[in-house]
């Protein structure tokens, strides 16, 4: 992320002033929770009723958003953040990261929960299917990406927000966590390219 910035610089950028008190960051945007609930209900109904269009819709939309977000954050947002001033980075993180707290788990859930059902309906789970080998590869790649997203990206995201809400944030910790978030997003973005190759291969057979 750009050049080296001292902890005092980051803390100074985040510290509230008497003229402009720092607004407390809402770690989980409550306004977005109804949309998450609708997505969960839609996925549950699609699986419960074995609704093919619903399963395909959730899988395609969830997978498309997951892929697009990973590529955009890893290869567009990351390099831009590295060139921003420290106050600009802090302001961006305060507005961007809370949204990622609810978006990423939702699109991962939509993609994985319905993807297995779509594969089952299409017969790709059968060992005799010509797509079976490609499907296993996709399970491995997507499984690693989901593990990274939920065990590395999401905790780093939440930790940054909690740290920024402290009366005296640790600039060193925030800088380290933001680097982890951006670099890991770049890694998953690269893996998403492999996913695109696999999915288009499956769709064309």
N, C-alpha and C. Protein backbone atom coordinates (compact mmCIF):
# COMPACT_ATOMS: atom_id res chain seq x y z
N UNK A 1 0.83 -1.19 0.00
CA UNK A 1 0.00 0.00 0.00
C UNK A 1 0.86 1.24 0.00
N UNK A 2 1.35 1.67 -1.17
CA UNK A 2 2.06 2.92 -1.27
C UNK A 2 3.33 2.91 -0.45
N UNK A 3 3.68 4.13 0.07
CA UNK A 3 4.89 4.26 0.84
C UNK A 3 4.66 3.92 2.29
N UNK A 4 5.75 3.99 3.06
CA UNK A 4 5.68 3.70 4.48
C UNK A 4 5.12 4.91 5.22
N UNK A 5 4.16 4.69 6.10
CA UNK A 5 3.52 5.77 6.84
C UNK A 5 3.66 5.46 8.32
N UNK A 6 4.05 6.46 9.11
CA UNK A 6 4.25 6.23 10.53
C UNK A 6 2.93 6.03 11.24
N UNK A 7 3.02 5.38 12.40
CA UNK A 7 1.81 5.16 13.21
C UNK A 7 1.22 6.49 13.65
N UNK A 8 2.07 7.47 14.00
CA UNK A 8 1.57 8.77 14.45
C UNK A 8 0.77 9.46 13.37
N UNK A 9 1.19 9.27 12.11
CA UNK A 9 0.48 9.91 11.01
C UNK A 9 -0.92 9.33 10.87
N UNK A 10 -1.03 8.00 10.96
CA UNK A 10 -2.33 7.36 10.82
C UNK A 10 -3.23 7.71 12.00
N UNK A 11 -2.67 7.68 13.21
CA UNK A 11 -3.46 8.03 14.39
C UNK A 11 -3.92 9.47 14.30
N UNK A 12 -3.03 10.35 13.83
CA UNK A 12 -3.41 11.76 13.69
C UNK A 12 -4.53 11.94 12.70
N UNK A 13 -4.52 11.13 11.64
CA UNK A 13 -5.58 11.24 10.65
C UNK A 13 -6.91 10.74 11.18
N UNK A 14 -6.86 9.80 12.12
CA UNK A 14 -8.09 9.21 12.65
C UNK A 14 -8.58 9.88 13.92
N UNK A 15 -7.70 10.59 14.60
CA UNK A 15 -8.06 11.17 15.89
C UNK A 15 -9.10 12.26 15.72
N UNK A 16 -10.13 12.31 16.57
CA UNK A 16 -11.14 13.35 16.46
C UNK A 16 -10.59 14.70 16.90
N UNK A 17 -11.07 15.75 16.29
CA UNK A 17 -10.70 17.09 16.70
C UNK A 17 -11.89 17.74 17.37
N UNK A 18 -11.65 18.85 18.11
CA UNK A 18 -12.75 19.54 18.78
C UNK A 18 -13.70 20.16 17.77
N UNK A 19 -13.14 20.62 16.64
CA UNK A 19 -13.98 21.27 15.64
C UNK A 19 -14.79 20.25 14.84
N UNK A 20 -14.19 19.09 14.60
CA UNK A 20 -14.86 18.06 13.79
C UNK A 20 -14.76 16.72 14.51
N UNK A 21 -15.62 16.42 15.46
CA UNK A 21 -15.55 15.15 16.18
C UNK A 21 -15.76 13.97 15.22
N UNK A 22 -14.95 12.94 15.41
CA UNK A 22 -15.01 11.79 14.52
C UNK A 22 -16.29 10.99 14.77
N UNK A 23 -17.01 10.74 13.69
CA UNK A 23 -18.26 9.99 13.78
C UNK A 23 -17.96 8.51 14.01
N UNK A 24 -18.72 7.89 14.91
CA UNK A 24 -18.51 6.47 15.22
C UNK A 24 -18.94 5.64 14.01
N UNK A 25 -18.11 4.67 13.67
CA UNK A 25 -18.37 3.84 12.51
C UNK A 25 -19.32 2.70 12.88
N UNK A 26 -20.32 2.50 12.07
CA UNK A 26 -21.25 1.38 12.27
C UNK A 26 -20.65 0.15 11.60
N UNK A 27 -20.17 -0.79 12.41
CA UNK A 27 -19.45 -1.95 11.88
C UNK A 27 -20.35 -2.77 10.96
N UNK A 28 -21.58 -3.02 11.39
CA UNK A 28 -22.56 -3.75 10.57
C UNK A 28 -23.66 -2.77 10.17
N UNK A 29 -23.74 -2.39 8.89
CA UNK A 29 -24.77 -1.45 8.45
C UNK A 29 -26.16 -2.06 8.60
N UNK A 30 -26.92 -1.57 9.56
CA UNK A 30 -28.23 -2.16 9.85
C UNK A 30 -29.19 -2.02 8.68
N UNK A 31 -29.02 -0.96 7.90
CA UNK A 31 -29.91 -0.75 6.76
C UNK A 31 -29.78 -1.85 5.71
N UNK A 32 -28.64 -2.54 5.70
CA UNK A 32 -28.44 -3.60 4.71
C UNK A 32 -28.93 -4.96 5.14
N UNK A 33 -29.25 -5.12 6.43
CA UNK A 33 -29.65 -6.44 6.93
C UNK A 33 -30.94 -6.97 6.30
N UNK A 34 -31.96 -6.11 6.02
CA UNK A 34 -33.16 -6.66 5.35
C UNK A 34 -32.84 -7.28 3.99
N UNK A 35 -31.88 -6.71 3.26
CA UNK A 35 -31.51 -7.28 1.96
C UNK A 35 -30.80 -8.61 2.14
N UNK A 36 -29.99 -8.73 3.19
CA UNK A 36 -29.34 -10.00 3.50
C UNK A 36 -30.39 -11.05 3.85
N UNK A 37 -31.38 -10.66 4.65
CA UNK A 37 -32.45 -11.59 5.03
C UNK A 37 -33.22 -12.07 3.81
N UNK A 38 -33.50 -11.15 2.89
CA UNK A 38 -34.21 -11.54 1.66
C UNK A 38 -33.39 -12.53 0.84
N UNK A 39 -32.08 -12.29 0.76
CA UNK A 39 -31.22 -13.21 0.01
C UNK A 39 -31.21 -14.60 0.65
N UNK A 40 -31.12 -14.64 1.98
CA UNK A 40 -31.12 -15.93 2.69
C UNK A 40 -32.43 -16.67 2.47
N UNK A 41 -33.54 -15.95 2.56
CA UNK A 41 -34.86 -16.56 2.36
C UNK A 41 -35.00 -17.08 0.93
N UNK A 42 -34.55 -16.28 -0.03
CA UNK A 42 -34.63 -16.68 -1.44
C UNK A 42 -33.83 -17.95 -1.69
N UNK A 43 -32.61 -18.00 -1.14
CA UNK A 43 -31.77 -19.19 -1.30
C UNK A 43 -32.42 -20.40 -0.63
N UNK A 44 -32.94 -20.21 0.58
CA UNK A 44 -33.56 -21.32 1.31
C UNK A 44 -34.77 -21.86 0.57
N UNK A 45 -35.61 -20.98 0.03
CA UNK A 45 -36.80 -21.41 -0.72
C UNK A 45 -36.40 -22.12 -2.01
N UNK A 46 -35.38 -21.59 -2.68
CA UNK A 46 -34.93 -22.21 -3.93
C UNK A 46 -34.43 -23.63 -3.69
N UNK A 47 -33.68 -23.82 -2.59
CA UNK A 47 -33.17 -25.15 -2.27
C UNK A 47 -34.30 -26.05 -1.78
N UNK A 48 -35.14 -25.50 -0.90
CA UNK A 48 -36.21 -26.30 -0.30
C UNK A 48 -37.21 -26.82 -1.32
N UNK A 49 -37.53 -25.99 -2.32
CA UNK A 49 -38.49 -26.40 -3.35
C UNK A 49 -37.82 -26.91 -4.61
N UNK A 50 -36.48 -27.03 -4.56
CA UNK A 50 -35.73 -27.52 -5.72
C UNK A 50 -36.09 -26.71 -6.97
N UNK A 51 -36.14 -25.38 -6.80
CA UNK A 51 -36.58 -24.45 -7.83
C UNK A 51 -35.40 -24.15 -8.76
N UNK A 52 -35.41 -24.68 -9.93
CA UNK A 52 -34.23 -24.61 -10.81
C UNK A 52 -33.87 -23.18 -11.18
N UNK A 53 -34.88 -22.37 -11.55
CA UNK A 53 -34.57 -20.99 -11.91
C UNK A 53 -34.00 -20.23 -10.72
N UNK A 54 -34.59 -20.43 -9.54
CA UNK A 54 -34.10 -19.76 -8.34
C UNK A 54 -32.68 -20.16 -8.01
N UNK A 55 -32.39 -21.47 -8.12
CA UNK A 55 -31.03 -21.94 -7.86
C UNK A 55 -30.04 -21.33 -8.84
N UNK A 56 -30.41 -21.34 -10.12
CA UNK A 56 -29.51 -20.80 -11.14
C UNK A 56 -29.32 -19.30 -10.96
N UNK A 57 -30.40 -18.59 -10.64
CA UNK A 57 -30.33 -17.14 -10.44
C UNK A 57 -29.37 -16.81 -9.30
N UNK A 58 -29.56 -17.47 -8.16
CA UNK A 58 -28.71 -17.21 -7.00
C UNK A 58 -27.25 -17.55 -7.28
N UNK A 59 -27.04 -18.67 -7.96
CA UNK A 59 -25.67 -19.09 -8.24
C UNK A 59 -24.97 -18.13 -9.21
N UNK A 60 -25.65 -17.76 -10.25
CA UNK A 60 -25.05 -16.87 -11.26
C UNK A 60 -24.84 -15.46 -10.70
N UNK A 61 -25.87 -14.93 -10.04
CA UNK A 61 -25.76 -13.58 -9.50
C UNK A 61 -24.73 -13.53 -8.36
N UNK A 62 -24.83 -14.50 -7.44
CA UNK A 62 -23.87 -14.52 -6.34
C UNK A 62 -22.44 -14.70 -6.83
N UNK A 63 -22.26 -15.65 -7.75
CA UNK A 63 -20.92 -15.89 -8.28
C UNK A 63 -20.39 -14.71 -9.08
N UNK A 64 -21.27 -14.08 -9.86
CA UNK A 64 -20.85 -12.92 -10.64
C UNK A 64 -20.43 -11.76 -9.74
N UNK A 65 -21.21 -11.51 -8.68
CA UNK A 65 -20.86 -10.43 -7.75
C UNK A 65 -19.57 -10.75 -7.01
N UNK A 66 -19.44 -11.99 -6.56
CA UNK A 66 -18.23 -12.40 -5.84
C UNK A 66 -17.00 -12.21 -6.71
N UNK A 67 -17.07 -12.68 -7.95
CA UNK A 67 -15.95 -12.55 -8.87
C UNK A 67 -15.65 -11.08 -9.16
N UNK A 68 -16.69 -10.32 -9.47
CA UNK A 68 -16.50 -8.91 -9.80
C UNK A 68 -15.91 -8.11 -8.65
N UNK A 69 -16.41 -8.35 -7.44
CA UNK A 69 -15.91 -7.63 -6.26
C UNK A 69 -14.45 -7.97 -6.00
N UNK A 70 -14.12 -9.26 -6.05
CA UNK A 70 -12.73 -9.66 -5.79
C UNK A 70 -11.78 -9.03 -6.81
N UNK A 71 -12.15 -9.08 -8.09
CA UNK A 71 -11.30 -8.51 -9.13
C UNK A 71 -11.18 -7.00 -8.98
N UNK A 72 -12.30 -6.34 -8.67
CA UNK A 72 -12.31 -4.89 -8.56
C UNK A 72 -11.50 -4.42 -7.36
N UNK A 73 -11.72 -5.08 -6.21
CA UNK A 73 -11.00 -4.68 -5.00
C UNK A 73 -9.51 -4.99 -5.13
N UNK A 74 -9.20 -6.17 -5.66
CA UNK A 74 -7.80 -6.59 -5.74
C UNK A 74 -6.98 -5.82 -6.76
N UNK A 75 -7.57 -5.53 -7.92
CA UNK A 75 -6.80 -4.95 -9.01
C UNK A 75 -7.11 -3.49 -9.33
N UNK A 76 -8.17 -2.95 -8.75
CA UNK A 76 -8.51 -1.54 -8.99
C UNK A 76 -8.42 -0.74 -7.68
N UNK A 77 -9.20 -1.16 -6.67
CA UNK A 77 -9.22 -0.42 -5.41
C UNK A 77 -7.85 -0.47 -4.71
N UNK A 78 -7.22 -1.63 -4.70
CA UNK A 78 -5.94 -1.79 -4.01
C UNK A 78 -4.89 -0.81 -4.48
N UNK A 79 -4.57 -0.79 -5.79
CA UNK A 79 -3.57 0.17 -6.26
C UNK A 79 -3.95 1.63 -6.02
N UNK A 80 -5.24 1.95 -6.10
CA UNK A 80 -5.67 3.33 -5.85
C UNK A 80 -5.44 3.70 -4.39
N UNK A 81 -5.81 2.80 -3.47
CA UNK A 81 -5.62 3.07 -2.05
C UNK A 81 -4.15 3.31 -1.72
N UNK A 82 -3.28 2.58 -2.38
CA UNK A 82 -1.86 2.73 -2.11
C UNK A 82 -1.32 4.11 -2.45
N UNK A 83 -2.03 4.86 -3.30
CA UNK A 83 -1.57 6.17 -3.72
C UNK A 83 -2.31 7.31 -3.02
N UNK A 84 -3.29 6.97 -2.17
CA UNK A 84 -4.05 8.00 -1.47
C UNK A 84 -3.31 8.47 -0.22
N UNK A 85 -3.64 9.68 0.23
CA UNK A 85 -3.10 10.17 1.49
C UNK A 85 -3.71 9.36 2.63
N UNK A 86 -3.08 9.41 3.80
CA UNK A 86 -3.56 8.66 4.95
C UNK A 86 -4.98 9.07 5.35
N UNK A 87 -5.31 10.37 5.45
CA UNK A 87 -6.70 10.73 5.79
C UNK A 87 -7.70 10.21 4.78
N UNK A 88 -7.31 10.22 3.49
CA UNK A 88 -8.22 9.72 2.46
C UNK A 88 -8.43 8.21 2.59
N UNK A 89 -7.35 7.49 2.92
CA UNK A 89 -7.49 6.05 3.14
C UNK A 89 -8.43 5.76 4.30
N UNK A 90 -8.25 6.51 5.38
CA UNK A 90 -9.08 6.29 6.56
C UNK A 90 -10.55 6.59 6.26
N UNK A 91 -10.79 7.66 5.53
CA UNK A 91 -12.17 8.03 5.17
C UNK A 91 -12.79 6.97 4.26
N UNK A 92 -12.00 6.49 3.30
CA UNK A 92 -12.50 5.45 2.40
C UNK A 92 -12.83 4.18 3.16
N UNK A 93 -11.91 3.76 4.04
CA UNK A 93 -12.11 2.53 4.81
C UNK A 93 -13.35 2.63 5.68
N UNK A 94 -13.58 3.79 6.28
CA UNK A 94 -14.73 3.97 7.17
C UNK A 94 -16.04 3.83 6.42
N UNK A 95 -16.04 4.14 5.13
CA UNK A 95 -17.29 4.07 4.35
C UNK A 95 -17.41 2.78 3.55
N UNK A 96 -16.28 2.23 3.14
CA UNK A 96 -16.30 1.06 2.26
C UNK A 96 -16.37 -0.26 3.04
N UNK A 97 -15.58 -0.38 4.10
CA UNK A 97 -15.46 -1.68 4.78
C UNK A 97 -16.73 -2.14 5.48
N UNK A 98 -17.53 -1.24 6.09
CA UNK A 98 -18.78 -1.74 6.68
C UNK A 98 -19.69 -2.42 5.66
N UNK A 99 -19.71 -1.91 4.45
CA UNK A 99 -20.54 -2.52 3.41
C UNK A 99 -20.03 -3.90 3.05
N UNK A 100 -18.70 -4.08 3.06
CA UNK A 100 -18.14 -5.38 2.74
C UNK A 100 -18.45 -6.42 3.81
N UNK A 101 -18.71 -5.96 5.04
CA UNK A 101 -19.02 -6.87 6.14
C UNK A 101 -20.26 -7.69 5.83
N UNK A 102 -21.24 -7.08 5.17
CA UNK A 102 -22.47 -7.82 4.87
C UNK A 102 -22.52 -8.33 3.42
N UNK A 103 -21.81 -7.66 2.51
CA UNK A 103 -21.89 -8.08 1.11
C UNK A 103 -21.17 -9.40 0.88
N UNK A 104 -19.93 -9.53 1.35
CA UNK A 104 -19.14 -10.72 1.03
C UNK A 104 -19.72 -12.02 1.58
N UNK A 105 -20.10 -12.09 2.87
CA UNK A 105 -20.71 -13.35 3.33
C UNK A 105 -21.99 -13.70 2.57
N UNK A 106 -22.73 -12.68 2.16
CA UNK A 106 -23.99 -12.93 1.46
C UNK A 106 -23.76 -13.54 0.08
N UNK A 107 -22.83 -12.94 -0.70
CA UNK A 107 -22.60 -13.47 -2.05
C UNK A 107 -21.90 -14.83 -2.00
N UNK A 108 -21.05 -15.04 -1.00
CA UNK A 108 -20.42 -16.36 -0.84
C UNK A 108 -21.49 -17.41 -0.53
N UNK A 109 -22.41 -17.07 0.38
CA UNK A 109 -23.49 -17.99 0.73
C UNK A 109 -24.37 -18.30 -0.50
N UNK A 110 -24.74 -17.28 -1.26
CA UNK A 110 -25.57 -17.49 -2.45
C UNK A 110 -24.88 -18.42 -3.44
N UNK A 111 -23.60 -18.21 -3.65
CA UNK A 111 -22.86 -18.97 -4.65
C UNK A 111 -22.70 -20.44 -4.24
N UNK A 112 -22.22 -20.65 -3.02
CA UNK A 112 -21.90 -22.02 -2.61
C UNK A 112 -23.14 -22.86 -2.33
N UNK A 113 -24.12 -22.28 -1.64
CA UNK A 113 -25.30 -23.06 -1.26
C UNK A 113 -26.07 -23.55 -2.48
N UNK A 114 -26.18 -22.69 -3.50
CA UNK A 114 -26.95 -23.08 -4.68
C UNK A 114 -26.10 -23.79 -5.72
N UNK A 115 -24.79 -23.54 -5.71
CA UNK A 115 -23.92 -24.17 -6.71
C UNK A 115 -23.94 -25.68 -6.60
N UNK A 116 -23.91 -26.19 -5.37
CA UNK A 116 -23.95 -27.63 -5.18
C UNK A 116 -25.27 -28.21 -5.71
N UNK A 117 -26.37 -27.50 -5.45
CA UNK A 117 -27.67 -27.98 -5.91
C UNK A 117 -27.77 -27.96 -7.44
N UNK A 118 -27.21 -26.92 -8.06
CA UNK A 118 -27.22 -26.85 -9.53
C UNK A 118 -26.41 -28.01 -10.11
N UNK A 119 -25.25 -28.28 -9.52
CA UNK A 119 -24.43 -29.40 -10.00
C UNK A 119 -25.17 -30.73 -9.85
N UNK A 120 -25.91 -30.87 -8.76
CA UNK A 120 -26.67 -32.10 -8.55
C UNK A 120 -27.77 -32.23 -9.59
N UNK A 121 -28.49 -31.15 -9.86
CA UNK A 121 -29.57 -31.19 -10.85
C UNK A 121 -29.05 -31.52 -12.25
N UNK A 122 -27.90 -30.98 -12.59
CA UNK A 122 -27.34 -31.19 -13.94
C UNK A 122 -26.62 -32.52 -14.08
N UNK A 123 -26.51 -33.27 -12.97
CA UNK A 123 -25.86 -34.57 -13.02
C UNK A 123 -24.35 -34.52 -13.01
N UNK A 124 -23.79 -33.34 -12.69
CA UNK A 124 -22.33 -33.21 -12.72
C UNK A 124 -21.65 -33.84 -11.50
N UNK A 125 -22.43 -34.20 -10.49
CA UNK A 125 -21.84 -34.85 -9.32
C UNK A 125 -21.53 -36.32 -9.58
N UNK A 126 -22.18 -36.88 -10.58
CA UNK A 126 -21.94 -38.29 -10.90
C UNK A 126 -20.53 -38.47 -11.45
N UNK A 127 -19.86 -39.52 -10.98
CA UNK A 127 -18.48 -39.76 -11.43
C UNK A 127 -18.41 -40.02 -12.93
N UNK A 128 -19.51 -40.47 -13.51
CA UNK A 128 -19.52 -40.76 -14.95
C UNK A 128 -19.71 -39.51 -15.80
N UNK A 129 -20.04 -38.38 -15.17
CA UNK A 129 -20.28 -37.15 -15.93
C UNK A 129 -18.98 -36.65 -16.54
N UNK A 130 -19.02 -36.18 -17.80
CA UNK A 130 -17.80 -35.62 -18.41
C UNK A 130 -17.33 -34.34 -17.72
N UNK A 131 -18.23 -33.72 -16.98
CA UNK A 131 -17.88 -32.48 -16.27
C UNK A 131 -17.39 -32.72 -14.84
N UNK A 132 -17.37 -33.99 -14.42
CA UNK A 132 -17.10 -34.28 -13.01
C UNK A 132 -15.71 -33.79 -12.58
N UNK A 133 -14.71 -34.04 -13.41
CA UNK A 133 -13.34 -33.64 -13.05
C UNK A 133 -13.24 -32.12 -12.91
N UNK A 134 -13.85 -31.41 -13.86
CA UNK A 134 -13.83 -29.95 -13.81
C UNK A 134 -14.58 -29.45 -12.57
N UNK A 135 -15.65 -30.16 -12.23
CA UNK A 135 -16.43 -29.76 -11.05
C UNK A 135 -15.61 -29.91 -9.78
N UNK A 136 -14.86 -31.00 -9.67
CA UNK A 136 -14.03 -31.22 -8.48
C UNK A 136 -12.97 -30.11 -8.37
N UNK A 137 -12.39 -29.76 -9.51
CA UNK A 137 -11.40 -28.67 -9.51
C UNK A 137 -12.05 -27.37 -9.04
N UNK A 138 -13.27 -27.12 -9.53
CA UNK A 138 -13.96 -25.89 -9.13
C UNK A 138 -14.28 -25.90 -7.64
N UNK A 139 -14.67 -27.05 -7.10
CA UNK A 139 -14.92 -27.16 -5.66
C UNK A 139 -13.66 -26.80 -4.86
N UNK A 140 -12.51 -27.28 -5.33
CA UNK A 140 -11.26 -27.00 -4.62
C UNK A 140 -10.93 -25.52 -4.65
N UNK A 141 -11.02 -24.91 -5.84
CA UNK A 141 -10.67 -23.50 -5.98
C UNK A 141 -11.63 -22.63 -5.19
N UNK A 142 -12.93 -22.89 -5.35
CA UNK A 142 -13.93 -22.08 -4.66
C UNK A 142 -13.86 -22.29 -3.15
N UNK A 143 -13.57 -23.53 -2.74
CA UNK A 143 -13.44 -23.80 -1.31
C UNK A 143 -12.30 -23.00 -0.68
N UNK A 144 -11.17 -22.92 -1.38
CA UNK A 144 -10.04 -22.13 -0.88
C UNK A 144 -10.43 -20.65 -0.82
N UNK A 145 -11.08 -20.16 -1.87
CA UNK A 145 -11.48 -18.75 -1.90
C UNK A 145 -12.46 -18.42 -0.78
N UNK A 146 -13.42 -19.32 -0.55
CA UNK A 146 -14.38 -19.09 0.53
C UNK A 146 -13.69 -19.09 1.88
N UNK A 147 -12.76 -20.02 2.07
CA UNK A 147 -12.02 -20.07 3.32
C UNK A 147 -11.22 -18.79 3.56
N UNK A 148 -10.58 -18.29 2.49
CA UNK A 148 -9.80 -17.05 2.60
C UNK A 148 -10.73 -15.87 2.90
N UNK A 149 -11.86 -15.82 2.19
CA UNK A 149 -12.78 -14.70 2.36
C UNK A 149 -13.35 -14.64 3.77
N UNK A 150 -13.71 -15.79 4.31
CA UNK A 150 -14.39 -15.82 5.60
C UNK A 150 -13.44 -15.91 6.79
N UNK A 151 -12.21 -16.40 6.58
CA UNK A 151 -11.28 -16.55 7.70
C UNK A 151 -10.18 -15.50 7.72
N UNK A 152 -9.96 -14.80 6.60
CA UNK A 152 -8.91 -13.78 6.55
C UNK A 152 -9.49 -12.41 6.21
N UNK A 153 -10.17 -12.31 5.08
CA UNK A 153 -10.70 -11.01 4.64
C UNK A 153 -11.70 -10.42 5.63
N UNK A 154 -12.69 -11.22 5.98
CA UNK A 154 -13.77 -10.70 6.85
C UNK A 154 -13.26 -10.33 8.24
N UNK A 155 -12.46 -11.18 8.91
CA UNK A 155 -11.93 -10.77 10.21
C UNK A 155 -11.05 -9.53 10.14
N UNK A 156 -10.24 -9.41 9.09
CA UNK A 156 -9.40 -8.21 8.93
C UNK A 156 -10.27 -6.97 8.76
N UNK A 157 -11.31 -7.11 7.97
CA UNK A 157 -12.25 -6.01 7.73
C UNK A 157 -12.87 -5.54 9.04
N UNK A 158 -13.40 -6.48 9.81
CA UNK A 158 -14.08 -6.14 11.08
C UNK A 158 -13.07 -5.57 12.08
N UNK A 159 -11.87 -6.14 12.11
CA UNK A 159 -10.85 -5.66 13.05
C UNK A 159 -10.46 -4.21 12.77
N UNK A 160 -10.37 -3.85 11.49
CA UNK A 160 -10.06 -2.46 11.13
C UNK A 160 -11.13 -1.52 11.66
N UNK A 161 -12.39 -1.90 11.48
CA UNK A 161 -13.50 -1.05 11.91
C UNK A 161 -13.53 -0.88 13.43
N UNK A 162 -13.31 -1.97 14.15
CA UNK A 162 -13.29 -1.88 15.61
C UNK A 162 -12.12 -1.02 16.09
N UNK A 163 -10.98 -1.18 15.41
CA UNK A 163 -9.81 -0.38 15.80
C UNK A 163 -10.05 1.11 15.54
N UNK A 164 -10.70 1.41 14.42
CA UNK A 164 -10.97 2.81 14.09
C UNK A 164 -11.99 3.44 15.03
N UNK A 165 -12.78 2.63 15.70
CA UNK A 165 -13.77 3.14 16.65
C UNK A 165 -13.19 3.41 18.03
N UNK A 166 -11.95 2.98 18.27
CA UNK A 166 -11.34 3.20 19.58
C UNK A 166 -11.00 4.68 19.75
N UNK A 167 -11.01 5.18 20.99
CA UNK A 167 -10.64 6.58 21.24
C UNK A 167 -9.27 6.94 20.70
N UNK A 168 -8.31 6.01 20.84
CA UNK A 168 -6.97 6.22 20.29
C UNK A 168 -6.62 5.00 19.44
N UNK A 169 -6.94 5.03 18.14
CA UNK A 169 -6.67 3.87 17.28
C UNK A 169 -5.18 3.62 17.12
N UNK A 170 -4.83 2.37 16.92
CA UNK A 170 -3.44 2.01 16.65
C UNK A 170 -3.21 2.10 15.14
N UNK A 171 -2.45 3.11 14.74
CA UNK A 171 -2.18 3.28 13.31
C UNK A 171 -1.43 2.11 12.72
N UNK A 172 -0.51 1.55 13.49
CA UNK A 172 0.27 0.41 13.01
C UNK A 172 -0.65 -0.78 12.73
N UNK A 173 -1.56 -1.03 13.66
CA UNK A 173 -2.47 -2.17 13.49
C UNK A 173 -3.42 -1.95 12.31
N UNK A 174 -3.94 -0.75 12.17
CA UNK A 174 -4.85 -0.45 11.06
C UNK A 174 -4.13 -0.61 9.73
N UNK A 175 -2.91 -0.06 9.64
CA UNK A 175 -2.15 -0.18 8.40
C UNK A 175 -1.87 -1.63 8.04
N UNK A 176 -1.52 -2.42 9.05
CA UNK A 176 -1.22 -3.84 8.82
C UNK A 176 -2.47 -4.60 8.36
N UNK A 177 -3.60 -4.32 9.00
CA UNK A 177 -4.84 -5.02 8.65
C UNK A 177 -5.34 -4.61 7.27
N UNK A 178 -5.21 -3.34 6.93
CA UNK A 178 -5.66 -2.90 5.60
C UNK A 178 -4.79 -3.50 4.51
N UNK A 179 -3.49 -3.63 4.77
CA UNK A 179 -2.61 -4.28 3.81
C UNK A 179 -3.03 -5.74 3.62
N UNK A 180 -3.33 -6.41 4.75
CA UNK A 180 -3.76 -7.81 4.67
C UNK A 180 -5.03 -7.92 3.84
N UNK A 181 -5.97 -7.01 4.07
CA UNK A 181 -7.24 -7.04 3.35
C UNK A 181 -7.03 -6.87 1.85
N UNK A 182 -6.25 -5.86 1.47
CA UNK A 182 -6.07 -5.57 0.05
C UNK A 182 -5.25 -6.65 -0.65
N UNK A 183 -4.17 -7.11 -0.02
CA UNK A 183 -3.33 -8.13 -0.65
C UNK A 183 -4.08 -9.46 -0.78
N UNK A 184 -4.87 -9.80 0.24
CA UNK A 184 -5.64 -11.05 0.17
C UNK A 184 -6.73 -10.94 -0.88
N UNK A 185 -7.33 -9.75 -1.00
CA UNK A 185 -8.33 -9.55 -2.05
C UNK A 185 -7.70 -9.71 -3.43
N UNK A 186 -6.46 -9.25 -3.58
CA UNK A 186 -5.76 -9.45 -4.84
C UNK A 186 -5.51 -10.92 -5.13
N UNK A 187 -5.16 -11.68 -4.09
CA UNK A 187 -4.94 -13.12 -4.25
C UNK A 187 -6.22 -13.83 -4.68
N UNK A 188 -7.32 -13.53 -4.00
CA UNK A 188 -8.59 -14.16 -4.38
C UNK A 188 -9.04 -13.68 -5.76
N UNK A 189 -8.70 -12.44 -6.10
CA UNK A 189 -9.02 -11.96 -7.45
C UNK A 189 -8.32 -12.78 -8.51
N UNK A 190 -7.04 -13.10 -8.26
CA UNK A 190 -6.30 -13.94 -9.20
C UNK A 190 -6.91 -15.33 -9.30
N UNK A 191 -7.35 -15.86 -8.15
CA UNK A 191 -7.99 -17.18 -8.16
C UNK A 191 -9.33 -17.13 -8.89
N UNK A 192 -9.99 -15.98 -8.86
CA UNK A 192 -11.26 -15.85 -9.57
C UNK A 192 -11.07 -16.01 -11.07
N UNK A 193 -9.91 -15.65 -11.58
CA UNK A 193 -9.65 -15.84 -13.01
C UNK A 193 -9.69 -17.33 -13.34
N UNK A 194 -9.11 -18.14 -12.45
CA UNK A 194 -9.17 -19.60 -12.65
C UNK A 194 -10.61 -20.08 -12.60
N UNK A 195 -11.41 -19.49 -11.70
CA UNK A 195 -12.82 -19.87 -11.61
C UNK A 195 -13.56 -19.54 -12.90
N UNK A 196 -13.26 -18.39 -13.49
CA UNK A 196 -13.91 -18.01 -14.75
C UNK A 196 -13.59 -19.02 -15.84
N UNK A 197 -12.33 -19.46 -15.89
CA UNK A 197 -11.94 -20.46 -16.89
C UNK A 197 -12.71 -21.76 -16.67
N UNK A 198 -12.80 -22.21 -15.42
CA UNK A 198 -13.48 -23.46 -15.11
C UNK A 198 -14.97 -23.37 -15.42
N UNK A 199 -15.60 -22.27 -14.99
CA UNK A 199 -17.05 -22.15 -15.19
C UNK A 199 -17.41 -22.05 -16.67
N UNK A 200 -16.64 -21.29 -17.43
CA UNK A 200 -16.93 -21.21 -18.87
C UNK A 200 -16.68 -22.53 -19.55
N UNK A 201 -15.70 -23.28 -19.05
CA UNK A 201 -15.44 -24.61 -19.59
C UNK A 201 -16.63 -25.54 -19.32
N UNK A 202 -17.13 -25.49 -18.09
CA UNK A 202 -18.30 -26.31 -17.75
C UNK A 202 -19.51 -25.93 -18.58
N UNK A 203 -19.72 -24.63 -18.75
CA UNK A 203 -20.88 -24.16 -19.49
C UNK A 203 -20.84 -24.47 -20.97
N UNK A 204 -19.64 -24.70 -21.51
CA UNK A 204 -19.51 -24.92 -22.94
C UNK A 204 -19.46 -26.39 -23.32
N UNK A 205 -19.51 -27.29 -22.31
CA UNK A 205 -19.44 -28.72 -22.61
C UNK A 205 -20.83 -29.29 -22.81
